[in-house]
């Protein structure tokens, strides 16, 4: 898997999603790789939004807090 960095809380939520539902994680990775902006959004159980972005130059995934 690509290296994941960025918002620490978002990374932990993403890891939890990957453990609980590997199919959803595969979906997110496919979305990130195929979207024109190389990004996908996901939410925590609390409803907080996060954005997963693929940095093309490095192949790293970056999690940031999504704008409300």
N, C-alpha and C. Protein backbone atom coordinates (compact mmCIF):
# COMPACT_ATOMS: atom_id res chain seq x y z
N UNK A 1 0.85 -1.19 0.00
CA UNK A 1 0.00 0.00 0.00
C UNK A 1 0.89 1.24 0.00
N UNK A 2 0.39 2.29 -0.59
CA UNK A 2 1.11 3.55 -0.61
C UNK A 2 1.31 4.07 0.80
N UNK A 3 2.27 4.95 0.97
CA UNK A 3 2.47 5.58 2.26
C UNK A 3 1.34 6.57 2.49
N UNK A 4 0.81 6.57 3.71
CA UNK A 4 -0.31 7.45 4.05
C UNK A 4 0.17 8.45 5.10
N UNK A 5 -0.11 9.72 4.87
CA UNK A 5 0.29 10.76 5.80
C UNK A 5 -0.77 11.84 5.86
N UNK A 6 -0.46 12.91 6.55
CA UNK A 6 -1.37 14.03 6.65
C UNK A 6 -1.99 14.13 8.03
N UNK A 7 -3.27 14.47 8.08
CA UNK A 7 -4.01 14.66 9.32
C UNK A 7 -3.99 13.36 10.14
N UNK A 8 -3.39 13.41 11.33
CA UNK A 8 -3.21 12.20 12.14
C UNK A 8 -4.54 11.53 12.50
N UNK A 9 -5.53 12.32 12.86
CA UNK A 9 -6.83 11.76 13.21
C UNK A 9 -7.47 11.11 11.98
N UNK A 10 -7.36 11.76 10.83
CA UNK A 10 -7.91 11.21 9.60
C UNK A 10 -7.23 9.92 9.18
N UNK A 11 -5.91 9.84 9.38
CA UNK A 11 -5.17 8.62 9.06
C UNK A 11 -5.65 7.47 9.94
N UNK A 12 -5.86 7.73 11.22
CA UNK A 12 -6.35 6.70 12.13
C UNK A 12 -7.75 6.23 11.74
N UNK A 13 -8.60 7.16 11.34
CA UNK A 13 -9.95 6.80 10.90
C UNK A 13 -9.87 5.95 9.64
N UNK A 14 -9.00 6.33 8.72
CA UNK A 14 -8.83 5.57 7.49
C UNK A 14 -8.33 4.16 7.79
N UNK A 15 -7.39 4.02 8.71
CA UNK A 15 -6.89 2.69 9.09
C UNK A 15 -8.02 1.85 9.70
N UNK A 16 -8.86 2.49 10.50
CA UNK A 16 -10.00 1.78 11.08
C UNK A 16 -10.98 1.32 10.01
N UNK A 17 -11.21 2.17 9.02
CA UNK A 17 -12.09 1.79 7.91
C UNK A 17 -11.50 0.61 7.13
N UNK A 18 -10.20 0.64 6.92
CA UNK A 18 -9.54 -0.42 6.17
C UNK A 18 -9.64 -1.75 6.90
N UNK A 19 -9.55 -1.72 8.21
CA UNK A 19 -9.64 -2.94 9.01
C UNK A 19 -11.08 -3.46 9.05
N UNK A 20 -12.02 -2.55 9.27
CA UNK A 20 -13.42 -2.94 9.40
C UNK A 20 -14.06 -3.34 8.07
N UNK A 21 -13.63 -2.69 6.99
CA UNK A 21 -14.27 -2.93 5.69
C UNK A 21 -13.24 -2.81 4.57
N UNK A 22 -12.48 -3.87 4.32
CA UNK A 22 -11.44 -3.83 3.28
C UNK A 22 -11.98 -3.49 1.89
N UNK A 23 -13.21 -3.90 1.60
CA UNK A 23 -13.80 -3.60 0.29
C UNK A 23 -13.98 -2.10 0.11
N UNK A 24 -14.38 -1.40 1.16
CA UNK A 24 -14.55 0.05 1.08
C UNK A 24 -13.20 0.72 0.86
N UNK A 25 -12.17 0.21 1.51
CA UNK A 25 -10.83 0.76 1.32
C UNK A 25 -10.38 0.57 -0.12
N UNK A 26 -10.65 -0.59 -0.69
CA UNK A 26 -10.31 -0.82 -2.11
C UNK A 26 -11.07 0.15 -3.00
N UNK A 27 -12.34 0.41 -2.66
CA UNK A 27 -13.14 1.37 -3.41
C UNK A 27 -12.50 2.76 -3.35
N UNK A 28 -12.11 3.20 -2.14
CA UNK A 28 -11.47 4.52 -2.01
C UNK A 28 -10.19 4.60 -2.83
N UNK A 29 -9.37 3.57 -2.77
CA UNK A 29 -8.11 3.58 -3.53
C UNK A 29 -8.37 3.63 -5.03
N UNK A 30 -9.38 2.93 -5.49
CA UNK A 30 -9.74 2.98 -6.92
C UNK A 30 -10.21 4.38 -7.29
N UNK A 31 -11.03 4.98 -6.45
CA UNK A 31 -11.50 6.34 -6.70
C UNK A 31 -10.34 7.33 -6.78
N UNK A 32 -9.40 7.22 -5.85
CA UNK A 32 -8.25 8.13 -5.83
C UNK A 32 -7.41 7.97 -7.10
N UNK A 33 -7.24 6.75 -7.54
CA UNK A 33 -6.41 6.51 -8.73
C UNK A 33 -7.09 6.91 -10.03
N UNK A 34 -8.43 6.87 -10.07
CA UNK A 34 -9.13 7.09 -11.34
C UNK A 34 -9.80 8.45 -11.48
N UNK A 35 -10.06 9.15 -10.38
CA UNK A 35 -10.67 10.47 -10.46
C UNK A 35 -9.71 11.46 -11.11
N UNK A 36 -10.25 12.43 -11.80
CA UNK A 36 -9.40 13.41 -12.47
C UNK A 36 -8.61 14.27 -11.49
N UNK A 37 -9.16 14.46 -10.28
CA UNK A 37 -8.43 15.25 -9.28
C UNK A 37 -7.64 14.36 -8.31
N UNK A 38 -7.65 13.06 -8.56
CA UNK A 38 -6.92 12.07 -7.75
C UNK A 38 -7.25 12.22 -6.27
N UNK A 39 -8.55 12.34 -5.97
CA UNK A 39 -9.00 12.50 -4.59
C UNK A 39 -10.34 11.80 -4.39
N UNK A 40 -10.58 11.42 -3.14
CA UNK A 40 -11.86 10.83 -2.74
C UNK A 40 -12.15 11.29 -1.32
N UNK A 41 -13.41 11.35 -0.96
CA UNK A 41 -13.77 11.78 0.39
C UNK A 41 -14.35 10.60 1.16
N UNK A 42 -14.19 10.67 2.46
CA UNK A 42 -14.79 9.68 3.35
C UNK A 42 -15.13 10.37 4.66
N UNK A 43 -15.98 9.72 5.47
CA UNK A 43 -16.42 10.31 6.72
C UNK A 43 -16.14 9.37 7.88
N UNK A 44 -15.94 9.99 9.04
CA UNK A 44 -15.79 9.22 10.27
C UNK A 44 -17.17 8.84 10.78
N UNK A 45 -17.22 7.99 11.80
CA UNK A 45 -18.51 7.63 12.40
C UNK A 45 -19.21 8.85 12.99
N UNK A 46 -18.43 9.87 13.37
CA UNK A 46 -18.98 11.09 13.93
C UNK A 46 -19.48 12.06 12.86
N UNK A 47 -19.24 11.73 11.60
CA UNK A 47 -19.69 12.59 10.50
C UNK A 47 -18.67 13.59 10.02
N UNK A 48 -17.46 13.57 10.59
CA UNK A 48 -16.40 14.47 10.14
C UNK A 48 -15.91 14.02 8.76
N UNK A 49 -15.79 14.96 7.84
CA UNK A 49 -15.36 14.63 6.49
C UNK A 49 -13.86 14.75 6.31
N UNK A 50 -13.30 13.84 5.53
CA UNK A 50 -11.88 13.84 5.21
C UNK A 50 -11.70 13.62 3.72
N UNK A 51 -10.59 14.09 3.22
CA UNK A 51 -10.27 13.97 1.79
C UNK A 51 -8.97 13.19 1.66
N UNK A 52 -9.00 12.14 0.86
CA UNK A 52 -7.83 11.32 0.57
C UNK A 52 -7.33 11.70 -0.81
N UNK A 53 -6.08 12.13 -0.90
CA UNK A 53 -5.51 12.61 -2.16
C UNK A 53 -4.25 11.82 -2.49
N UNK A 54 -4.08 11.49 -3.75
CA UNK A 54 -2.88 10.81 -4.22
C UNK A 54 -1.93 11.84 -4.79
N UNK A 55 -0.71 11.90 -4.24
CA UNK A 55 0.34 12.76 -4.80
C UNK A 55 1.02 11.96 -5.91
N UNK A 56 0.80 12.39 -7.13
CA UNK A 56 1.31 11.64 -8.27
C UNK A 56 2.83 11.53 -8.30
N UNK A 57 3.51 12.59 -7.90
CA UNK A 57 4.98 12.61 -7.97
C UNK A 57 5.61 11.58 -7.04
N UNK A 58 5.00 11.37 -5.87
CA UNK A 58 5.60 10.47 -4.88
C UNK A 58 4.85 9.16 -4.72
N UNK A 59 3.58 9.13 -5.11
CA UNK A 59 2.75 7.96 -4.90
C UNK A 59 2.20 7.86 -3.50
N UNK A 60 2.40 8.90 -2.69
CA UNK A 60 1.90 8.91 -1.32
C UNK A 60 0.45 9.35 -1.28
N UNK A 61 -0.26 8.83 -0.29
CA UNK A 61 -1.63 9.24 -0.04
C UNK A 61 -1.62 10.25 1.11
N UNK A 62 -2.40 11.32 0.95
CA UNK A 62 -2.45 12.37 1.97
C UNK A 62 -3.90 12.55 2.42
N UNK A 63 -4.10 12.51 3.73
CA UNK A 63 -5.43 12.72 4.30
C UNK A 63 -5.48 14.14 4.86
N UNK A 64 -6.53 14.86 4.48
CA UNK A 64 -6.75 16.20 5.00
C UNK A 64 -8.21 16.31 5.46
N UNK A 65 -8.47 17.25 6.33
CA UNK A 65 -9.83 17.51 6.78
C UNK A 65 -10.58 18.16 5.62
N UNK A 66 -11.75 17.64 5.30
CA UNK A 66 -12.56 18.19 4.20
C UNK A 66 -13.24 19.47 4.66
N UNK A 67 -13.42 20.38 3.73
CA UNK A 67 -14.13 21.62 4.02
C UNK A 67 -15.60 21.29 4.31
N UNK A 68 -16.18 21.96 5.29
CA UNK A 68 -17.60 21.68 5.63
C UNK A 68 -18.56 22.04 4.52
